[in-house]
Amino acid sequence: MNVRDVQAVITASGYARHGRPYGGSAFRACNCPKAGCGAVAEGSERDDCPEHRLNPVQLWHWSAECPQVLAAARIAIGRGLAVFPLPIGGRVPERGWQRQATLLPERLPELLAGRGVGIGCRASHVVALDLDVHGDEDGSGVLAALADRLGETVPETFTVATPSGGQHLYFRAPMGCTIGSVSGWRTALGPGIDVRGPGRRSGGYLVGPGSVVDGRPYVIVRDVPVAPLPDWIGRRLQTHR
């Protein structure tokens, strides 16, 4: 990786330099496993760090090289969500991402090295609702209003907060579910609610917890088991396709 690539990673990840000075020229230890000496602070590097001379990328926090990112991906896998890599700071996966989706936590350090986190809906066997917040559109409010009108409730389930102020709600799909992915006003649930599902072939995906896009993270806000897809949601999505 050359210097230009390193700067691109830094810009995409949104992470700041790590380490804080104390006691003159000494530095606090950094939690990043790739830069254990914590030798960066206030925009200046220590010249006496042999590890940093060997690999300048180690000067920076970025995506899966920080422990909290791997921790979020492991939690997702623990809830039965299959993880695959996304380009650092990006939302669009590379071709063949479906074959990389895994439920094996031991694969994560290598799979996500220098990458973001994606969740594959078909490999996870889930239907996910992307509740957007854009202007006057509030997907959470629309879903709650629909549930109230039908005399139903939205069950508690594994939930991730998105940088826009929205949420990703994950639901376990029933056997044989072929609900696909729909965006915008075309969804049967109302405006501000995008749907990602297993589909008939490759299925959809979402940016997963631990990813950072434009310097803003996707964060787990409700770490509970993935609830079964409510019948009242499933019926509407199966009927209006």
C-alpha atoms as a PDB file:
ATOM      1  CA  MET A   1       0.000   0.000   0.000  1.00  0.00           C
ATOM      2  CA  ASN A   2       1.540   3.324  -1.003  1.00  0.00           C
ATOM      3  CA  VAL A   3       1.219   6.703   0.705  1.00  0.00           C
ATOM      4  CA  ARG A   4      -1.647   7.771  -1.540  1.00  0.00           C
ATOM      5  CA  ASP A   5      -3.614   4.622  -0.644  1.00  0.00           C
ATOM      6  CA  VAL A   6      -3.004   5.264   3.052  1.00  0.00           C
ATOM      7  CA  GLN A   7      -4.443   8.778   2.771  1.00  0.00           C
ATOM      8  CA  ALA A   8      -7.503   7.418   0.960  1.00  0.00           C
ATOM      9  CA  VAL A   9      -8.077   4.936   3.783  1.00  0.00           C
ATOM     10  CA  ILE A  10      -7.714   7.694   6.370  1.00  0.00           C
ATOM     11  CA  THR A  11     -10.185   9.968   4.578  1.00  0.00           C
ATOM     12  CA  ALA A  12     -12.751   7.216   4.041  1.00  0.00           C
ATOM     13  CA  SER A  13     -12.596   5.856   7.572  1.00  0.00           C
ATOM     14  CA  GLY A  14     -13.104   9.151   9.365  1.00  0.00           C
ATOM     15  CA  TYR A  15     -10.834   8.050  12.187  1.00  0.00           C
ATOM     16  CA  ALA A  16      -8.508  10.512  13.906  1.00  0.00           C
ATOM     17  CA  ARG A  17      -4.910   9.927  14.810  1.00  0.00           C
ATOM     18  CA  HIS A  18      -4.556   7.934  17.973  1.00  0.00           C
ATOM     19  CA  GLY A  19      -2.619   8.241  21.179  1.00  0.00           C
ATOM     20  CA  ARG A  20      -2.430  11.133  23.642  1.00  0.00           C
ATOM     21  CA  PRO A  21       0.718  12.762  25.012  1.00  0.00           C
ATOM     22  CA  TYR A  22       1.471  12.754  28.692  1.00  0.00           C
ATOM     23  CA  GLY A  23       4.588  13.413  30.733  1.00  0.00           C
ATOM     24  CA  GLY A  24       6.468  15.243  28.002  1.00  0.00           C
ATOM     25  CA  SER A  25       7.376  13.108  24.978  1.00  0.00           C
ATOM     26  CA  ALA A  26       5.772   9.847  26.143  1.00  0.00           C
ATOM     27  CA  PHE A  27       2.510   8.547  24.691  1.00  0.00           C
ATOM     28  CA  ARG A  28      -0.416   6.645  26.107  1.00  0.00           C
ATOM     29  CA  ALA A  29      -0.855   3.151  24.700  1.00  0.00           C
ATOM     30  CA  CYS A  30      -3.330   2.832  21.874  1.00  0.00           C
ATOM     31  CA  ASN A  31      -5.952   0.060  21.872  1.00  0.00           C
ATOM     32  CA  CYS A  32      -5.465  -0.569  18.169  1.00  0.00           C
ATOM     33  CA  PRO A  33      -3.769  -3.992  17.872  1.00  0.00           C
ATOM     34  CA  LYS A  34      -1.903  -2.900  14.756  1.00  0.00           C
ATOM     35  CA  ALA A  35      -0.257   0.013  16.565  1.00  0.00           C
ATOM     36  CA  GLY A  36       0.327  -1.188  20.095  1.00  0.00           C
ATOM     37  CA  CYS A  37       2.920   1.449  20.898  1.00  0.00           C
ATOM     38  CA  GLY A  38       0.367   4.246  20.474  1.00  0.00           C
ATOM     39  CA  ALA A  39       3.015   6.420  18.902  1.00  0.00           C
ATOM     40  CA  VAL A  40       0.902   9.116  17.298  1.00  0.00           C
ATOM     41  CA  ALA A  41      -0.477  12.256  18.867  1.00  0.00           C
ATOM     42  CA  GLU A  42      -1.237  15.845  17.970  1.00  0.00           C
ATOM     43  CA  GLY A  43      -0.337  15.266  14.320  1.00  0.00           C
ATOM     44  CA  SER A  44       3.266  14.197  14.872  1.00  0.00           C
ATOM     45  CA  GLU A  45       4.783  10.702  14.742  1.00  0.00           C
ATOM     46  CA  ARG A  46       7.571   9.349  16.904  1.00  0.00           C
ATOM     47  CA  ASP A  47      10.614   8.700  14.773  1.00  0.00           C
ATOM     48  CA  ASP A  48      11.929   6.043  17.163  1.00  0.00           C
ATOM     49  CA  CYS A  49       9.139   3.516  16.587  1.00  0.00           C
ATOM     50  CA  PRO A  50      10.549   0.648  14.469  1.00  0.00           C
ATOM     51  CA  GLU A  51       7.080  -0.788  13.801  1.00  0.00           C
ATOM     52  CA  HIS A  52       5.848   2.486  12.346  1.00  0.00           C
ATOM     53  CA  ARG A  53       8.919   2.812  10.175  1.00  0.00           C
ATOM     54  CA  LEU A  54       8.179  -0.644   8.768  1.00  0.00           C
ATOM     55  CA  ASN A  55       4.513   0.012   8.043  1.00  0.00           C
ATOM     56  CA  PRO A  56       3.096   3.559   7.929  1.00  0.00           C
ATOM     57  CA  VAL A  57      -0.456   2.205   7.796  1.00  0.00           C
ATOM     58  CA  GLN A  58      -0.006   1.316  11.465  1.00  0.00           C
ATOM     59  CA  LEU A  59      -0.115   5.026  12.265  1.00  0.00           C
ATOM     60  CA  TRP A  60      -3.855   5.015  11.838  1.00  0.00           C
ATOM     61  CA  HIS A  61      -7.059   3.536  13.114  1.00  0.00           C
ATOM     62  CA  TRP A  62      -9.107   2.212  10.230  1.00  0.00           C
ATOM     63  CA  SER A  63     -12.134  -0.016  10.183  1.00  0.00           C
ATOM     64  CA  ALA A  64     -11.554  -3.661  11.136  1.00  0.00           C
ATOM     65  CA  GLU A  65      -8.092  -2.989  12.548  1.00  0.00           C
ATOM     66  CA  CYS A  66      -9.761  -1.393  15.569  1.00  0.00           C
ATOM     67  CA  PRO A  67     -11.163  -3.756  18.190  1.00  0.00           C
ATOM     68  CA  GLN A  68     -14.621  -2.182  18.378  1.00  0.00           C
ATOM     69  CA  VAL A  69     -15.279  -2.971  14.696  1.00  0.00           C
ATOM     70  CA  LEU A  70     -14.433  -6.643  15.057  1.00  0.00           C
ATOM     71  CA  ALA A  71     -16.479  -6.714  18.258  1.00  0.00           C
ATOM     72  CA  ALA A  72     -19.557  -5.382  16.431  1.00  0.00           C
ATOM     73  CA  ALA A  73     -19.110  -7.921  13.619  1.00  0.00           C
ATOM     74  CA  ARG A  74     -18.789 -10.749  16.160  1.00  0.00           C
ATOM     75  CA  ILE A  75     -21.999  -9.642  17.876  1.00  0.00           C
ATOM     76  CA  ALA A  76     -23.788  -9.672  14.523  1.00  0.00           C
ATOM     77  CA  ILE A  77     -22.572 -13.199  13.792  1.00  0.00           C
ATOM     78  CA  GLY A  78     -23.642 -14.231  17.282  1.00  0.00           C
ATOM     79  CA  ARG A  79     -27.157 -13.130  16.351  1.00  0.00           C
ATOM     80  CA  GLY A  80     -27.065 -15.239  13.183  1.00  0.00           C
ATOM     81  CA  LEU A  81     -26.188 -12.458  10.744  1.00  0.00           C
ATOM     82  CA  ALA A  82     -23.710 -13.389   8.011  1.00  0.00           C
ATOM     83  CA  VAL A  83     -20.892 -10.881   7.556  1.00  0.00           C
ATOM     84  CA  PHE A  84     -18.968  -9.985   4.402  1.00  0.00           C
ATOM     85  CA  PRO A  85     -16.431  -7.201   3.645  1.00  0.00           C
ATOM     86  CA  LEU A  86     -17.303  -3.788   2.214  1.00  0.00           C
ATOM     87  CA  PRO A  87     -14.789  -1.319   0.768  1.00  0.00           C
ATOM     88  CA  ILE A  88     -13.456   0.918   3.506  1.00  0.00           C
ATOM     89  CA  GLY A  89     -15.800   3.859   3.979  1.00  0.00           C
ATOM     90  CA  GLY A  90     -18.150   2.587   1.249  1.00  0.00           C
ATOM     91  CA  ARG A  91     -21.644   1.179   0.931  1.00  0.00           C
ATOM     92  CA  VAL A  92     -21.327  -0.767  -2.336  1.00  0.00           C
ATOM     93  CA  PRO A  93     -19.707  -4.231  -2.199  1.00  0.00           C
ATOM     94  CA  GLU A  94     -17.404  -5.748  -4.762  1.00  0.00           C
ATOM     95  CA  ARG A  95     -18.676  -8.441  -7.111  1.00  0.00           C
ATOM     96  CA  GLY A  96     -18.963 -11.861  -5.535  1.00  0.00           C
ATOM     97  CA  TRP A  97     -19.698 -10.566  -2.041  1.00  0.00           C
ATOM     98  CA  GLN A  98     -22.429 -13.206  -1.618  1.00  0.00           C
ATOM     99  CA  ARG A  99     -19.819 -15.990  -1.633  1.00  0.00           C
ATOM    100  CA  GLN A 100     -17.818 -14.267   1.111  1.00  0.00           C
ATOM    101  CA  ALA A 101     -20.642 -13.968   3.642  1.00  0.00           C
ATOM    102  CA  THR A 102     -19.791 -15.993   6.726  1.00  0.00           C
ATOM    103  CA  LEU A 103     -21.169 -16.997  10.106  1.00  0.00           C
ATOM    104  CA  LEU A 104     -17.726 -18.085  11.352  1.00  0.00           C
ATOM    105  CA  PRO A 105     -16.265 -15.549  13.803  1.00  0.00           C
ATOM    106  CA  GLU A 106     -12.748 -16.931  13.420  1.00  0.00           C
ATOM    107  CA  ARG A 107     -12.693 -15.712   9.819  1.00  0.00           C
ATOM    108  CA  LEU A 108     -13.359 -12.079  10.705  1.00  0.00           C
ATOM    109  CA  PRO A 109      -9.844 -10.737  11.394  1.00  0.00           C
ATOM    110  CA  GLU A 110      -8.635 -11.802   7.950  1.00  0.00           C
ATOM    111  CA  LEU A 111     -11.911 -11.163   6.117  1.00  0.00           C
ATOM    112  CA  LEU A 112     -12.378  -7.623   7.432  1.00  0.00           C
ATOM    113  CA  ALA A 113      -8.763  -6.440   7.506  1.00  0.00           C
ATOM    114  CA  GLY A 114      -8.922  -2.894   6.198  1.00  0.00           C
ATOM    115  CA  ARG A 115     -12.567  -3.283   5.210  1.00  0.00           C
ATOM    116  CA  GLY A 116     -16.052  -2.284   6.271  1.00  0.00           C
ATOM    117  CA  VAL A 117     -18.818  -4.630   7.426  1.00  0.00           C
ATOM    118  CA  GLY A 118     -21.738  -5.833   5.325  1.00  0.00           C
ATOM    119  CA  ILE A 119     -24.652  -8.106   6.267  1.00  0.00           C
ATOM    120  CA  GLY A 120     -25.971 -10.498   3.608  1.00  0.00           C
ATOM    121  CA  CYS A 121     -29.721 -11.119   3.882  1.00  0.00           C
ATOM    122  CA  ARG A 122     -29.867 -14.438   2.044  1.00  0.00           C
ATOM    123  CA  ALA A 123     -26.964 -16.010   3.943  1.00  0.00           C
ATOM    124  CA  SER A 124     -28.465 -14.673   7.185  1.00  0.00           C
ATOM    125  CA  HIS A 125     -31.999 -15.718   6.215  1.00  0.00           C
ATOM    126  CA  VAL A 126     -33.397 -12.353   7.280  1.00  0.00           C
ATOM    127  CA  VAL A 127     -35.656  -9.594   6.056  1.00  0.00           C
ATOM    128  CA  ALA A 128     -34.362  -6.189   7.127  1.00  0.00           C
ATOM    129  CA  LEU A 129     -36.212  -2.887   7.243  1.00  0.00           C
ATOM    130  CA  ASP A 130     -34.133   0.221   6.585  1.00  0.00           C
ATOM    131  CA  LEU A 131     -36.025   3.023   8.331  1.00  0.00           C
ATOM    132  CA  ASP A 132     -34.752   6.218   6.748  1.00  0.00           C
ATOM    133  CA  VAL A 133     -34.926   9.790   7.958  1.00  0.00           C
ATOM    134  CA  HIS A 134     -34.963  12.245   5.044  1.00  0.00           C
ATOM    135  CA  GLY A 135     -36.600  15.639   5.429  1.00  0.00           C
ATOM    136  CA  ASP A 136     -40.217  15.069   6.379  1.00  0.00           C
ATOM    137  CA  GLU A 137     -39.897  11.298   5.921  1.00  0.00           C
ATOM    138  CA  ASP A 138     -39.496   9.290   9.114  1.00  0.00           C
ATOM    139  CA  GLY A 139     -39.483   5.560   8.469  1.00  0.00           C
ATOM    140  CA  SER A 140     -39.807   4.679  12.157  1.00  0.00           C
ATOM    141  CA  GLY A 141     -42.890   6.867  12.481  1.00  0.00           C
ATOM    142  CA  VAL A 142     -44.414   5.448   9.303  1.00  0.00           C
ATOM    143  CA  LEU A 143     -43.916   1.869  10.513  1.00  0.00           C
ATOM    144  CA  ALA A 144     -45.348   2.652  13.947  1.00  0.00           C
ATOM    145  CA  ALA A 145     -48.383   4.343  12.387  1.00  0.00           C
ATOM    146  CA  LEU A 146     -48.978   1.365  10.091  1.00  0.00           C
ATOM    147  CA  ALA A 147     -48.768  -1.054  13.021  1.00  0.00           C
ATOM    148  CA  ASP A 148     -51.200   1.059  15.037  1.00  0.00           C
ATOM    149  CA  ARG A 149     -53.663   1.241  12.139  1.00  0.00           C
ATOM    150  CA  LEU A 150     -53.603  -2.540  11.803  1.00  0.00           C
ATOM    151  CA  GLY A 151     -53.810  -3.141  15.541  1.00  0.00           C
ATOM    152  CA  GLU A 152     -50.356  -4.710  15.540  1.00  0.00           C
ATOM    153  CA  THR A 153     -47.037  -4.041  17.251  1.00  0.00           C
ATOM    154  CA  VAL A 154     -43.462  -3.862  16.010  1.00  0.00           C
ATOM    155  CA  PRO A 155     -41.569  -6.496  18.027  1.00  0.00           C
ATOM    156  CA  GLU A 156     -38.255  -5.822  19.695  1.00  0.00           C
ATOM    157  CA  THR A 157     -35.441  -7.135  17.510  1.00  0.00           C
ATOM    158  CA  PHE A 158     -31.755  -6.680  16.705  1.00  0.00           C
ATOM    159  CA  THR A 159     -31.391  -3.030  15.689  1.00  0.00           C
ATOM    160  CA  VAL A 160     -28.592  -0.905  14.256  1.00  0.00           C
ATOM    161  CA  ALA A 161     -28.597   2.909  14.206  1.00  0.00           C
ATOM    162  CA  THR A 162     -27.545   4.467  10.886  1.00  0.00           C
ATOM    163  CA  PRO A 163     -25.632   7.738  10.365  1.00  0.00           C
ATOM    164  CA  SER A 164     -28.761   9.480   8.985  1.00  0.00           C
ATOM    165  CA  GLY A 165     -30.590   8.998  12.272  1.00  0.00           C
ATOM    166  CA  GLY A 166     -32.509   5.997  10.951  1.00  0.00           C
ATOM    167  CA  GLN A 167     -32.438   2.339  11.937  1.00  0.00           C
ATOM    168  CA  HIS A 168     -31.944  -1.122  10.487  1.00  0.00           C
ATOM    169  CA  LEU A 169     -34.401  -3.647  11.937  1.00  0.00           C
ATOM    170  CA  TYR A 170     -33.567  -7.317  11.337  1.00  0.00           C
ATOM    171  CA  PHE A 171     -36.234 -10.058  11.276  1.00  0.00           C
ATOM    172  CA  ARG A 172     -35.800 -13.807  10.814  1.00  0.00           C
ATOM    173  CA  ALA A 173     -37.435 -14.863   7.535  1.00  0.00           C
ATOM    174  CA  PRO A 174     -39.762 -17.876   7.444  1.00  0.00           C
ATOM    175  CA  MET A 175     -38.750 -20.960   5.476  1.00  0.00           C
ATOM    176  CA  GLY A 176     -39.115 -20.482   1.726  1.00  0.00           C
ATOM    177  CA  CYS A 177     -39.261 -16.686   2.016  1.00  0.00           C
ATOM    178  CA  THR A 178     -38.413 -14.949  -1.276  1.00  0.00           C
ATOM    179  CA  ILE A 179     -39.046 -11.347  -0.263  1.00  0.00           C
ATOM    180  CA  GLY A 180     -36.713  -9.198  -2.303  1.00  0.00           C
ATOM    181  CA  SER A 181     -35.219  -5.740  -1.915  1.00  0.00           C
ATOM    182  CA  VAL A 182     -37.256  -2.607  -2.579  1.00  0.00           C
ATOM    183  CA  SER A 183     -36.389   1.050  -2.061  1.00  0.00           C
ATOM    184  CA  GLY A 184     -38.256   4.341  -1.917  1.00  0.00           C
ATOM    185  CA  TRP A 185     -41.979   4.812  -2.354  1.00  0.00           C
ATOM    186  CA  ARG A 186     -42.339   1.405  -4.008  1.00  0.00           C
ATOM    187  CA  THR A 187     -42.275  -0.433  -0.710  1.00  0.00           C
ATOM    188  CA  ALA A 188     -45.620  -1.733   0.576  1.00  0.00           C
ATOM    189  CA  LEU A 189     -44.859  -0.482   4.079  1.00  0.00           C
ATOM    190  CA  GLY A 190     -44.822   3.204   3.204  1.00  0.00           C
ATOM    191  CA  PRO A 191     -42.393   6.043   2.483  1.00  0.00           C
ATOM    192  CA  GLY A 192     -39.096   6.064   4.293  1.00  0.00           C
ATOM    193  CA  ILE A 193     -38.986   2.278   4.636  1.00  0.00           C
ATOM    194  CA  ASP A 194     -36.628   0.345   2.389  1.00  0.00           C
ATOM    195  CA  VAL A 195     -36.708  -3.447   2.406  1.00  0.00           C
ATOM    196  CA  ARG A 196     -33.775  -5.851   2.059  1.00  0.00           C
ATOM    197  CA  GLY A 197     -34.572  -9.542   1.813  1.00  0.00           C
ATOM    198  CA  PRO A 198     -33.254 -12.972   0.809  1.00  0.00           C
ATOM    199  CA  GLY A 199     -34.843 -12.750  -2.643  1.00  0.00           C
ATOM    200  CA  ARG A 200     -34.898 -15.642  -5.099  1.00  0.00           C
ATOM    201  CA  ARG A 201     -31.188 -15.763  -5.959  1.00  0.00           C
ATOM    202  CA  SER A 202     -28.511 -13.549  -4.408  1.00  0.00           C
ATOM    203  CA  GLY A 203     -30.579 -11.460  -2.005  1.00  0.00           C
ATOM    204  CA  GLY A 204     -29.967  -7.978  -0.648  1.00  0.00           C
ATOM    205  CA  TYR A 205     -27.541  -6.590   1.895  1.00  0.00           C
ATOM    206  CA  LEU A 206     -27.076  -3.784   4.399  1.00  0.00           C
ATOM    207  CA  VAL A 207     -24.109  -1.858   5.707  1.00  0.00           C
ATOM    208  CA  GLY A 208     -23.416  -3.605   8.990  1.00  0.00           C
ATOM    209  CA  PRO A 209     -22.599  -2.479  12.507  1.00  0.00           C
ATOM    210  CA  GLY A 210     -19.022  -1.356  12.969  1.00  0.00           C
ATOM    211  CA  SER A 211     -18.807   0.249   9.513  1.00  0.00           C
ATOM    212  CA  VAL A 212     -17.897   3.924   9.258  1.00  0.00           C
ATOM    213  CA  VAL A 213     -19.122   5.921   6.244  1.00  0.00           C
ATOM    214  CA  ASP A 214     -18.245   9.602   5.811  1.00  0.00           C
ATOM    215  CA  GLY A 215     -16.783   9.511   9.303  1.00  0.00           C
ATOM    216  CA  ARG A 216     -20.055   8.377  10.889  1.00  0.00           C
ATOM    217  CA  PRO A 217     -20.586   4.895  12.371  1.00  0.00           C
ATOM    218  CA  TYR A 218     -23.296   2.247  12.173  1.00  0.00           C
ATOM    219  CA  VAL A 219     -23.908   1.296  15.816  1.00  0.00           C
ATOM    220  CA  ILE A 220     -25.785  -1.554  17.509  1.00  0.00           C
ATOM    221  CA  VAL A 221     -28.478   0.062  19.659  1.00  0.00           C
ATOM    222  CA  ARG A 222     -30.529  -3.017  20.543  1.00  0.00           C
ATOM    223  CA  ASP A 223     -28.532  -6.199  21.033  1.00  0.00           C
ATOM    224  CA  VAL A 224     -31.347  -8.740  21.333  1.00  0.00           C
ATOM    225  CA  PRO A 225     -32.184 -11.902  19.355  1.00  0.00           C
ATOM    226  CA  VAL A 226     -33.431 -11.418  15.810  1.00  0.00           C
ATOM    227  CA  ALA A 227     -37.220 -11.671  16.071  1.00  0.00           C
ATOM    228  CA  PRO A 228     -39.334 -13.664  13.598  1.00  0.00           C
ATOM    229  CA  LEU A 229     -40.720 -11.572  10.752  1.00  0.00           C
ATOM    230  CA  PRO A 230     -44.202 -10.467  11.868  1.00  0.00           C
ATOM    231  CA  ASP A 231     -46.983 -11.948   9.725  1.00  0.00           C
ATOM    232  CA  TRP A 232     -48.521  -8.530   9.108  1.00  0.00           C
ATOM    233  CA  ILE A 233     -45.257  -7.273   7.600  1.00  0.00           C
ATOM    234  CA  GLY A 234     -44.537 -10.477   5.671  1.00  0.00           C
ATOM    235  CA  ARG A 235     -48.000 -10.591   4.103  1.00  0.00           C
ATOM    236  CA  ARG A 236     -47.756  -7.029   2.817  1.00  0.00           C
ATOM    237  CA  LEU A 237     -44.280  -7.576   1.370  1.00  0.00           C
ATOM    238  CA  GLN A 238     -45.195 -10.891  -0.297  1.00  0.00           C
ATOM    239  CA  THR A 239     -48.431  -9.510  -1.757  1.00  0.00           C
ATOM    240  CA  HIS A 240     -47.142  -6.166  -3.054  1.00  0.00           C
ATOM    241  CA  ARG A 241     -44.247  -7.182  -5.284  1.00  0.00           C
END
